[in-house]
C-alpha atoms as a PDB file:
ATOM      1  CA  MET A   1      39.963  74.104 -18.451  1.00  0.00           C
ATOM      2  CA  ARG A   2      42.683  74.912 -21.117  1.00  0.00           C
ATOM      3  CA  GLN A   3      45.118  77.416 -20.398  1.00  0.00           C
ATOM      4  CA  GLN A   4      43.896  79.225 -23.745  1.00  0.00           C
ATOM      5  CA  ASP A   5      40.173  79.606 -21.779  1.00  0.00           C
ATOM      6  CA  VAL A   6      41.973  80.676 -18.859  1.00  0.00           C
ATOM      7  CA  GLU A   7      44.057  83.541 -20.665  1.00  0.00           C
ATOM      8  CA  ARG A   8      40.716  84.454 -22.488  1.00  0.00           C
ATOM      9  CA  ILE A   9      38.234  84.661 -19.282  1.00  0.00           C
ATOM     10  CA  HIS A  10      41.475  86.916 -17.809  1.00  0.00           C
ATOM     11  CA  ARG A  11      41.260  88.998 -21.088  1.00  0.00           C
ATOM     12  CA  ASP A  12      37.570  89.539 -20.676  1.00  0.00           C
ATOM     13  CA  HIS A  13      37.877  89.886 -17.312  1.00  0.00           C
ATOM     14  CA  GLU A  14      40.049  93.461 -18.369  1.00  0.00           C
ATOM     15  CA  ILE A  15      37.597  94.199 -20.624  1.00  0.00           C
ATOM     16  CA  ILE A  16      34.863  94.398 -18.689  1.00  0.00           C
ATOM     17  CA  LEU A  17      36.462  96.635 -15.791  1.00  0.00           C
ATOM     18  CA  GLY A  18      37.867  99.153 -18.672  1.00  0.00           C
ATOM     19  CA  LEU A  19      34.096  99.304 -19.943  1.00  0.00           C
ATOM     20  CA  ILE A  20      33.082  99.657 -16.037  1.00  0.00           C
ATOM     21  CA  THR A  21      35.829 102.734 -16.157  1.00  0.00           C
ATOM     22  CA  ARG A  22      34.742 103.899 -19.458  1.00  0.00           C
ATOM     23  CA  ILE A  23      30.949 104.064 -18.198  1.00  0.00           C
ATOM     24  CA  LYS A  24      32.040 105.748 -14.847  1.00  0.00           C
ATOM     25  CA  ALA A  25      34.398 108.571 -16.804  1.00  0.00           C
ATOM     26  CA  GLU A  26      31.914 109.347 -19.488  1.00  0.00           C
ATOM     27  CA  CYS A  27      29.684 112.168 -17.245  1.00  0.00           C
ATOM     28  CA  THR A  28      32.294 114.900 -17.193  1.00  0.00           C
ATOM     29  CA  GLN A  29      30.121 117.124 -15.062  1.00  0.00           C
ATOM     30  CA  ASN A  30      30.133 114.702 -11.995  1.00  0.00           C
ATOM     31  CA  ASP A  31      31.604 117.297  -9.810  1.00  0.00           C
ATOM     32  CA  SER A  32      28.476 119.713 -10.419  1.00  0.00           C
ATOM     33  CA  VAL A  33      25.362 117.672 -10.763  1.00  0.00           C
ATOM     34  CA  GLN A  34      24.116 114.954  -8.626  1.00  0.00           C
ATOM     35  CA  ASN A  35      22.860 112.744 -11.053  1.00  0.00           C
ATOM     36  CA  CYS A  36      21.605 112.857 -14.601  1.00  0.00           C
ATOM     37  CA  ASN A  37      18.796 114.437 -14.425  1.00  0.00           C
ATOM     38  CA  THR A  38      19.718 117.782 -13.328  1.00  0.00           C
ATOM     39  CA  CYS A  39      22.603 118.191 -16.136  1.00  0.00           C
ATOM     40  CA  GLN A  40      22.208 120.415 -18.745  1.00  0.00           C
ATOM     41  CA  PRO A  41      19.920 118.914 -21.723  1.00  0.00           C
ATOM     42  CA  ASN A  42      22.573 118.922 -24.484  1.00  0.00           C
ATOM     43  CA  LEU A  43      25.278 117.140 -22.637  1.00  0.00           C
ATOM     44  CA  ARG A  44      22.778 115.064 -21.059  1.00  0.00           C
ATOM     45  CA  MET A  45      21.521 113.185 -24.460  1.00  0.00           C
ATOM     46  CA  VAL A  46      25.377 112.792 -26.103  1.00  0.00           C
ATOM     47  CA  CYS A  47      26.309 111.702 -22.948  1.00  0.00           C
ATOM     48  CA  ARG A  48      23.194 108.944 -22.364  1.00  0.00           C
ATOM     49  CA  GLY A  49      23.654 107.820 -26.016  1.00  0.00           C
ATOM     50  CA  ASN A  50      27.422 107.066 -25.245  1.00  0.00           C
ATOM     51  CA  ILE A  51      26.477 105.927 -22.089  1.00  0.00           C
ATOM     52  CA  GLU A  52      23.755 103.153 -23.555  1.00  0.00           C
ATOM     53  CA  GLN A  53      26.027 102.025 -26.318  1.00  0.00           C
ATOM     54  CA  LEU A  54      29.186 101.354 -23.437  1.00  0.00           C
ATOM     55  CA  ILE A  55      26.483  98.992 -21.946  1.00  0.00           C
ATOM     56  CA  LYS A  56      25.230  97.115 -24.031  1.00  0.00           C
ATOM     57  CA  SER A  57      29.086  96.617 -24.874  1.00  0.00           C
ATOM     58  CA  PHE A  58      29.104  95.803 -21.356  1.00  0.00           C
ATOM     59  CA  VAL A  59      26.103  93.308 -21.093  1.00  0.00           C
ATOM     60  CA  GLU A  60      27.169  91.710 -24.846  1.00  0.00           C
ATOM     61  CA  VAL A  61      30.742  90.986 -23.494  1.00  0.00           C
ATOM     62  CA  THR A  62      29.387  89.333 -19.971  1.00  0.00           C
ATOM     63  CA  LEU A  63      26.813  87.257 -21.804  1.00  0.00           C
ATOM     64  CA  LYS A  64      29.923  86.083 -23.669  1.00  0.00           C
ATOM     65  CA  HIS A  65      32.085  85.862 -21.024  1.00  0.00           C
ATOM     66  CA  ASN A  66      29.400  83.470 -19.620  1.00  0.00           C
ATOM     67  CA  LEU A  67      29.015  80.782 -21.631  1.00  0.00           C
ATOM     68  CA  ILE A  68      32.903  80.843 -21.700  1.00  0.00           C
ATOM     69  CA  GLU A  69      32.894  80.122 -17.670  1.00  0.00           C
END
């Protein structure tokens, strides 16, 4: 495996871990609610849309990463 491939894999890992952190941090109500269903509807809609986008990005990066590895 070439050095640049190894560097790319490490970069991908950092991006993937960053996306996981962003997904977890998306909920601003995690101290007051136990799950998304108990959140206020207006917050839930915004949060859900943001989380869906982040998950789509996560899946896309993961699939591309798996092709390299």
